[in-house]
Amino acid sequence: MPGPTVAIVGATGAVGSVMIDILNSRENVPWGEIRLIASARSAGKKITVRGVEHTVVELSPEAFDGVDIAMFDVPDELSAQWAPVAVERGAIAVDNSGAFRMDPEVPLVVPEVNADRVHERPKGIIANPNCTTLSMMTALGALHREFGLRELVVSSYQAASGSGQEGIDRLQEEIAAVAGKQVGERAGDVAEALAAAGLLAEQTPFKAPLAMNVVPWCGSRKDDGWTSEELKVRNESRKILGIPELKVSATCVRVPVVTTHSLAVHAVFEREISVEQAHRLFEAAPSIVLQDDPAGEVFPTPAGVVGADPTYVGRVRQALDFPNTLEFFVCGDNLRKGAALNTYEIAETLVQD
């Protein structure tokens, strides 16, 4: 008997392409038919998935006929419009956008943390968290189950790909513009080099030069000086972990890395916790790789993690001046676990349960 039909909506986009790569790399998949859906511009394109050539079909109500699970990797406004259509046609929608994350009737799921929530979907939709939140959530979930998370302070170091292909292209152009030049020694010289190369300040998605720089601003402006990315970390962490009153503060920074977000985490727990206990929990988690050897100066970095599925954790330390508190550093590929992989794992959870 054939398995359920799964659709990838936005199959030709950056995250959709990673989703196809994940499907191709899996040893076993539970699906019968795999359907690729995209805009009219991409309809008719041929893409090989698991050795079979598929033709991309145009996004329409009829495209969801016979689909059991539809994985959405499209902008918020398209998900808001089309995910309910997929549900009306009989599919469960698993959405990677921000359209439904904070909807109280839509579960926000990380399978390693709250897989049981996939059954609580009155709207027929399951949301995938923001890539920044996801980069640390597997590690935090493991610790919270044992020690009870109470407070969270996070500094994120976010890759250019978090701003989409536009961000990747801009960073690569900026790197090329400053390569071999004597810049970074005088205020404004990086911006001057970019301007000389025709890279105008008003064209960047980063608010400031990113090459040879860090930019303490990710997302859009919100009240009282906060950004949308920082509020996502706060609100989504509370929802995923089931701690509505969790104290959270985040500062989100863009760094000159193409792909893979990093976070420095300060986590306060209800019960006493040690580095050794945290190590044991991390080592027991199948989707966490512990790289933490202070004597050998071993720790994760984005360059060593990009393209990998697990969450990488290192620099685990007992806070010196805060009881029941750990400091640690996390790296996660924001296009894989931070987007495509978690969406796919939600879909697999639905089938396996």
Protein backbone atom coordinates (compact mmCIF):
# COMPACT_ATOMS: atom_id res chain seq x y z
CA MET A 1 0.00 0.00 0.00
CA PRO A 2 1.52 3.38 -1.00
CA GLY A 3 2.39 5.88 1.69
CA PRO A 4 0.82 9.31 2.15
CA THR A 5 1.26 12.07 -0.41
CA VAL A 6 3.49 14.96 0.64
CA ALA A 7 3.77 18.31 -1.12
CA ILE A 8 6.55 20.90 -0.95
CA VAL A 9 5.10 24.35 -1.52
CA GLY A 10 7.88 26.68 -2.64
CA ALA A 11 9.91 23.78 -3.97
CA THR A 12 12.22 25.94 -6.09
CA GLY A 13 13.11 28.44 -3.33
CA ALA A 14 16.16 28.41 -1.05
CA VAL A 15 14.53 26.44 1.76
CA GLY A 16 12.52 24.27 -0.64
CA SER A 17 15.75 23.25 -2.36
CA VAL A 18 17.20 22.24 1.01
CA MET A 19 14.02 20.26 1.67
CA ILE A 20 14.57 18.33 -1.57
CA ASP A 21 18.19 17.73 -0.58
CA ILE A 22 16.96 16.30 2.73
CA LEU A 23 14.51 14.02 0.95
CA ASN A 24 17.28 12.81 -1.36
CA SER A 25 19.65 12.11 1.53
CA ARG A 26 17.22 10.14 3.71
CA GLU A 27 17.76 6.39 3.70
CA ASN A 28 14.05 5.70 4.02
CA VAL A 29 11.07 7.96 3.51
CA PRO A 30 7.42 7.19 4.35
CA TRP A 31 5.94 8.95 1.33
CA GLY A 32 4.07 7.59 -1.63
CA GLU A 33 3.77 10.51 -4.03
CA ILE A 34 6.00 13.57 -3.67
CA ARG A 35 4.45 16.66 -5.23
CA LEU A 36 6.39 19.85 -5.98
CA ILE A 37 4.44 23.12 -6.01
CA ALA A 38 5.68 26.62 -6.81
CA SER A 39 4.68 29.87 -8.49
CA ALA A 40 3.56 30.12 -12.09
CA ARG A 41 7.07 31.31 -12.95
CA SER A 42 8.57 27.99 -11.83
CA ALA A 43 5.75 25.69 -12.99
CA GLY A 44 6.92 23.13 -15.50
CA LYS A 45 10.46 22.96 -14.16
CA LYS A 46 11.88 19.43 -13.85
CA ILE A 47 13.47 18.42 -10.53
CA THR A 48 14.74 14.96 -9.62
CA VAL A 49 13.72 13.72 -6.19
CA ARG A 50 14.90 10.31 -4.98
CA GLY A 51 15.84 9.30 -8.52
CA VAL A 52 12.51 10.24 -10.06
CA GLU A 53 12.00 13.30 -12.25
CA HIS A 54 9.12 15.47 -11.02
CA THR A 55 7.43 18.36 -12.81
CA VAL A 56 6.74 21.41 -10.66
CA VAL A 57 3.05 22.29 -10.67
CA GLU A 58 1.61 25.77 -10.24
CA LEU A 59 0.24 26.81 -6.87
CA SER A 60 -3.55 26.50 -7.05
CA PRO A 61 -6.36 24.95 -5.00
CA GLU A 62 -6.32 21.89 -7.26
CA ALA A 63 -2.61 21.35 -6.60
CA PHE A 64 -3.54 20.15 -3.09
CA ASP A 65 -6.07 17.54 -4.18
CA GLY A 66 -5.01 14.17 -2.76
CA VAL A 67 -2.24 15.70 -0.64
CA ASP A 68 -1.99 14.41 2.94
CA ILE A 69 0.72 16.76 4.25
CA ALA A 70 1.76 20.06 2.64
CA MET A 71 5.05 21.59 3.75
CA PHE A 72 5.10 25.34 3.12
CA ASP A 73 8.39 27.15 2.47
CA VAL A 74 7.05 30.47 1.17
CA PRO A 75 6.75 34.07 2.48
CA ASP A 76 4.31 34.87 5.27
CA GLU A 77 1.66 36.37 3.03
CA LEU A 78 1.55 33.33 0.76
CA SER A 79 1.35 30.93 3.69
CA ALA A 80 -1.44 32.99 5.24
CA GLN A 81 -3.39 32.73 1.99
CA TRP A 82 -2.65 29.17 0.89
CA ALA A 83 -2.18 27.06 4.03
CA PRO A 84 -5.93 27.28 4.84
CA VAL A 85 -6.65 26.33 1.22
CA ALA A 86 -4.50 23.21 1.59
CA VAL A 87 -6.42 22.32 4.77
CA GLU A 88 -9.76 22.82 3.01
CA ARG A 89 -8.57 20.36 0.35
CA GLY A 90 -7.81 17.74 3.02
CA ALA A 91 -4.12 18.27 3.82
CA ILE A 92 -2.35 19.03 7.09
CA ALA A 93 -0.28 22.17 6.54
CA VAL A 94 3.19 22.38 8.09
CA ASP A 95 4.26 25.99 7.71
CA ASN A 96 7.79 27.38 7.87
CA SER A 97 6.75 31.04 7.70
CA GLY A 98 5.88 33.38 10.54
CA ALA A 99 2.22 33.62 9.55
CA PHE A 100 0.84 31.28 12.22
CA ARG A 101 3.56 30.91 14.86
CA MET A 102 1.84 32.88 17.59
CA ASP A 103 -1.71 31.84 16.70
CA PRO A 104 -3.03 30.17 19.90
CA GLU A 105 -4.83 27.57 17.78
CA VAL A 106 -1.68 26.57 15.89
CA PRO A 107 0.98 24.46 17.65
CA LEU A 108 4.59 25.62 17.34
CA VAL A 109 6.60 22.41 17.19
CA VAL A 110 10.15 21.19 17.60
CA PRO A 111 9.82 17.37 17.51
CA GLU A 112 12.63 16.78 20.03
CA VAL A 113 10.90 19.11 22.50
CA ASN A 114 7.11 19.00 22.08
CA ALA A 115 6.20 16.39 19.47
CA ASP A 116 2.92 15.66 21.30
CA ARG A 117 1.62 19.06 20.17
CA VAL A 118 1.21 17.89 16.57
CA HIS A 119 -2.21 16.48 17.55
CA GLU A 120 -3.46 19.88 18.79
CA ARG A 121 -4.22 21.54 15.48
CA PRO A 122 -7.83 22.82 15.32
CA LYS A 123 -6.97 24.81 12.20
CA GLY A 124 -5.19 21.89 10.55
CA ILE A 125 -1.93 23.85 10.59
CA ILE A 126 1.37 23.26 12.44
CA ALA A 127 3.95 26.05 12.60
CA ASN A 128 7.72 25.79 12.38
CA PRO A 129 9.67 28.20 14.66
CA ASN A 130 11.99 30.96 13.58
CA CYS A 131 15.49 29.77 12.67
CA THR A 132 17.12 31.72 15.52
CA THR A 133 14.89 30.16 18.16
CA LEU A 134 15.35 26.73 16.60
CA SER A 135 19.13 26.93 16.78
CA MET A 136 19.03 26.60 20.57
CA MET A 137 15.72 24.90 21.25
CA THR A 138 16.81 21.26 21.15
CA ALA A 139 19.51 21.95 23.74
CA LEU A 140 17.22 24.04 25.93
CA GLY A 141 14.44 21.47 25.73
CA ALA A 142 16.75 18.72 26.99
CA LEU A 143 17.87 20.86 29.93
CA HIS A 144 14.39 22.15 30.76
CA ARG A 145 12.94 18.64 31.11
CA GLU A 146 15.43 17.82 33.86
CA PHE A 147 16.07 21.12 35.61
CA GLY A 148 13.20 23.51 34.83
CA LEU A 149 14.19 26.56 32.81
CA ARG A 150 13.34 29.84 34.57
CA GLU A 151 15.22 32.65 32.83
CA LEU A 152 16.95 33.02 29.47
CA VAL A 153 19.36 35.67 28.18
CA VAL A 154 20.54 35.19 24.60
CA SER A 155 22.87 36.95 22.19
CA SER A 156 22.53 35.68 18.63
CA TYR A 157 25.11 35.91 15.84
CA GLN A 158 23.01 35.49 12.73
CA ALA A 159 24.14 34.56 9.24
CA ALA A 160 23.45 36.63 6.13
CA SER A 161 21.23 33.86 4.71
CA GLY A 162 18.72 34.75 7.40
CA SER A 163 17.87 37.65 5.07
CA GLY A 164 17.36 35.26 2.17
CA GLN A 165 19.22 35.14 -1.12
CA GLU A 166 19.41 38.93 -1.10
CA GLY A 167 21.45 38.76 2.10
CA ILE A 168 23.78 36.09 0.75
CA ASP A 169 24.38 38.03 -2.47
CA ARG A 170 25.02 41.29 -0.65
CA LEU A 171 27.56 39.77 1.72
CA GLN A 172 29.42 38.08 -1.14
CA GLU A 173 29.49 41.37 -3.06
CA GLU A 174 30.77 43.25 -0.02
CA ILE A 175 33.51 40.69 0.62
CA ALA A 176 34.63 40.98 -3.01
CA ALA A 177 34.60 44.79 -2.75
CA VAL A 178 36.90 44.94 0.28
CA ALA A 179 39.16 42.00 -0.61
CA GLY A 180 42.80 43.07 -0.80
CA LYS A 181 42.06 46.60 0.36
CA GLN A 182 43.51 48.31 3.44
CA VAL A 183 40.21 48.85 5.24
CA GLY A 184 38.92 48.45 8.76
CA GLU A 185 41.49 50.81 10.28
CA ARG A 186 39.48 54.04 10.01
CA ALA A 187 35.82 54.74 10.67
CA GLY A 188 33.90 54.76 7.42
CA ASP A 189 36.57 53.22 5.20
CA VAL A 190 34.60 50.00 4.68
CA ALA A 191 31.54 51.99 3.61
CA GLU A 192 33.74 54.04 1.26
CA ALA A 193 35.12 50.89 -0.36
CA LEU A 194 31.62 49.55 -0.85
CA ALA A 195 30.41 52.83 -2.35
CA ALA A 196 33.39 52.86 -4.72
CA ALA A 197 32.31 49.40 -5.90
CA GLY A 198 28.78 50.65 -6.52
CA LEU A 199 27.29 49.00 -3.42
CA LEU A 200 25.11 51.78 -2.12
CA ALA A 201 24.10 51.99 1.54
CA GLU A 202 20.39 52.18 0.74
CA GLN A 203 20.58 48.87 -1.12
CA THR A 204 21.74 46.71 1.79
CA PRO A 205 19.31 44.59 3.82
CA PHE A 206 21.65 44.88 6.83
CA LYS A 207 21.30 48.59 7.80
CA ALA A 208 25.13 48.92 7.76
CA PRO A 209 28.13 47.29 6.04
CA LEU A 210 28.39 43.63 7.01
CA ALA A 211 31.81 42.75 5.59
CA MET A 212 34.46 43.19 8.32
CA ASN A 213 31.69 44.26 10.67
CA VAL A 214 28.84 43.12 12.91
CA VAL A 215 25.42 44.77 12.86
CA PRO A 216 23.34 44.75 16.07
CA TRP A 217 20.04 44.72 14.21
CA CYS A 218 18.08 41.78 12.76
CA GLY A 219 14.49 42.04 11.62
CA SER A 220 12.13 45.00 11.71
CA ARG A 221 11.75 47.74 14.32
CA LYS A 222 9.29 47.14 17.14
CA ASP A 223 8.28 49.14 20.22
CA ASP A 224 10.81 50.38 22.79
CA GLY A 225 13.87 49.69 20.65
CA TRP A 226 13.35 45.95 20.21
CA THR A 227 13.47 44.16 16.85
CA SER A 228 11.14 41.51 15.49
CA GLU A 229 13.86 38.84 15.72
CA GLU A 230 14.43 39.55 19.41
CA LEU A 231 10.73 39.34 20.21
CA LYS A 232 10.44 36.09 18.23
CA VAL A 233 13.11 34.52 20.45
CA ARG A 234 11.16 35.58 23.53
CA ASN A 235 7.65 34.67 22.41
CA GLU A 236 8.49 31.45 20.57
CA SER A 237 10.66 30.08 23.39
CA ARG A 238 7.77 30.54 25.79
CA LYS A 239 5.32 28.79 23.48
CA ILE A 240 7.53 25.84 22.49
CA LEU A 241 8.66 25.08 26.04
CA GLY A 242 5.21 25.67 27.51
CA ILE A 243 6.44 28.35 29.93
CA PRO A 244 4.19 31.40 29.36
CA GLU A 245 5.96 33.45 32.03
CA LEU A 246 9.54 32.55 31.06
CA LYS A 247 11.80 35.58 31.49
CA VAL A 248 13.64 36.14 28.21
CA SER A 249 15.92 38.86 26.88
CA ALA A 250 17.59 38.65 23.47
CA THR A 251 19.98 40.77 21.42
CA CYS A 252 20.17 39.71 17.79
CA VAL A 253 23.29 40.57 15.78
CA ARG A 254 24.02 40.02 12.09
CA VAL A 255 27.55 38.73 11.40
CA PRO A 256 29.51 38.20 8.14
CA VAL A 257 28.75 34.49 7.89
CA VAL A 258 26.85 33.08 4.91
CA THR A 259 24.96 30.26 6.64
CA THR A 260 24.65 28.98 10.24
CA HIS A 261 23.39 30.96 13.21
CA SER A 262 25.22 30.96 16.55
CA LEU A 263 23.92 31.89 20.00
CA ALA A 264 25.53 32.60 23.35
CA VAL A 265 23.03 31.33 25.93
CA HIS A 266 22.71 32.27 29.62
CA ALA A 267 20.12 29.86 31.08
CA VAL A 268 18.87 29.97 34.67
CA PHE A 269 17.18 26.87 36.11
CA GLU A 270 14.93 26.08 39.05
CA ARG A 271 17.23 23.33 40.31
CA GLU A 272 20.97 23.02 40.73
CA ILE A 273 22.72 21.97 37.54
CA SER A 274 26.31 21.07 36.72
CA VAL A 275 28.36 21.05 33.55
CA GLU A 276 28.72 17.28 33.85
CA GLN A 277 24.95 16.79 34.03
CA ALA A 278 24.44 19.02 31.01
CA HIS A 279 27.11 17.11 29.08
CA ARG A 280 25.33 13.81 29.77
CA LEU A 281 22.02 15.18 28.51
CA PHE A 282 23.58 16.63 25.38
CA GLU A 283 25.48 13.43 24.62
CA ALA A 284 22.28 11.39 25.00
CA ALA A 285 20.33 13.54 22.53
CA PRO A 286 20.53 12.09 19.00
CA SER A 287 20.24 15.49 17.31
CA ILE A 288 22.87 17.25 19.43
CA VAL A 289 26.62 17.09 18.88
CA LEU A 290 28.67 18.10 21.91
CA GLN A 291 31.98 19.79 21.03
CA ASP A 292 33.25 20.96 24.39
CA ASP A 293 36.86 20.42 25.40
CA PRO A 294 38.30 23.53 27.07
CA ALA A 295 41.73 21.97 27.53
CA GLY A 296 41.92 21.20 23.84
CA GLU A 297 40.18 24.44 22.86
CA VAL A 298 37.45 22.51 21.04
CA PHE A 299 34.16 24.30 20.38
CA PRO A 300 31.68 24.66 17.52
CA THR A 301 31.87 27.42 14.91
CA PRO A 302 29.60 28.23 11.95
CA ALA A 303 32.29 27.27 9.43
CA GLY A 304 32.49 23.80 10.96
CA VAL A 305 28.74 23.28 11.21
CA VAL A 306 27.30 24.60 7.93
CA GLY A 307 25.52 21.88 5.95
CA ALA A 308 25.02 19.64 9.00
CA ASP A 309 21.69 18.63 10.51
CA PRO A 310 22.39 18.49 14.29
CA THR A 311 22.62 21.28 16.82
CA TYR A 312 26.22 21.75 17.96
CA VAL A 313 26.89 22.79 21.57
CA GLY A 314 30.11 23.86 23.29
CA ARG A 315 31.68 26.29 25.78
CA VAL A 316 29.44 24.84 28.52
CA ARG A 317 30.30 26.62 31.79
CA GLN A 318 28.87 27.05 35.25
CA ALA A 319 28.11 30.75 35.68
CA LEU A 320 30.46 32.25 38.24
CA ASP A 321 28.09 34.74 39.83
CA PHE A 322 24.65 33.24 39.16
CA PRO A 323 23.33 30.11 40.95
CA ASN A 324 21.71 27.29 38.95
CA THR A 325 22.94 28.89 35.75
CA LEU A 326 24.78 27.59 32.69
CA GLU A 327 26.50 29.47 29.89
CA PHE A 328 26.92 27.72 26.55
CA PHE A 329 27.42 28.37 22.83
CA VAL A 330 25.20 26.85 20.14
CA CYS A 331 25.57 26.62 16.36
CA GLY A 332 22.90 25.43 13.93
CA ASP A 333 22.53 25.61 10.16
CA ASN A 334 19.65 28.05 9.77
CA LEU A 335 18.57 26.64 6.40
CA ARG A 336 18.54 23.03 7.59
CA LYS A 337 17.46 22.49 11.22
CA GLY A 338 16.49 26.15 11.36
CA ALA A 339 14.00 25.77 8.53
CA ALA A 340 13.73 22.84 6.11
CA LEU A 341 14.76 19.99 8.39
CA ASN A 342 12.48 20.85 11.30
CA THR A 343 9.55 21.29 8.91
CA TYR A 344 10.31 17.89 7.41
CA GLU A 345 10.70 16.26 10.83
CA ILE A 346 7.28 17.59 11.85
CA ALA A 347 5.81 15.94 8.75
CA GLU A 348 7.56 12.65 9.55
CA THR A 349 6.27 12.86 13.13
CA LEU A 350 2.72 13.10 11.80
CA VAL A 351 3.21 9.95 9.74
CA GLN A 352 5.04 7.90 12.33
CA ASP A 353 2.67 8.62 15.20
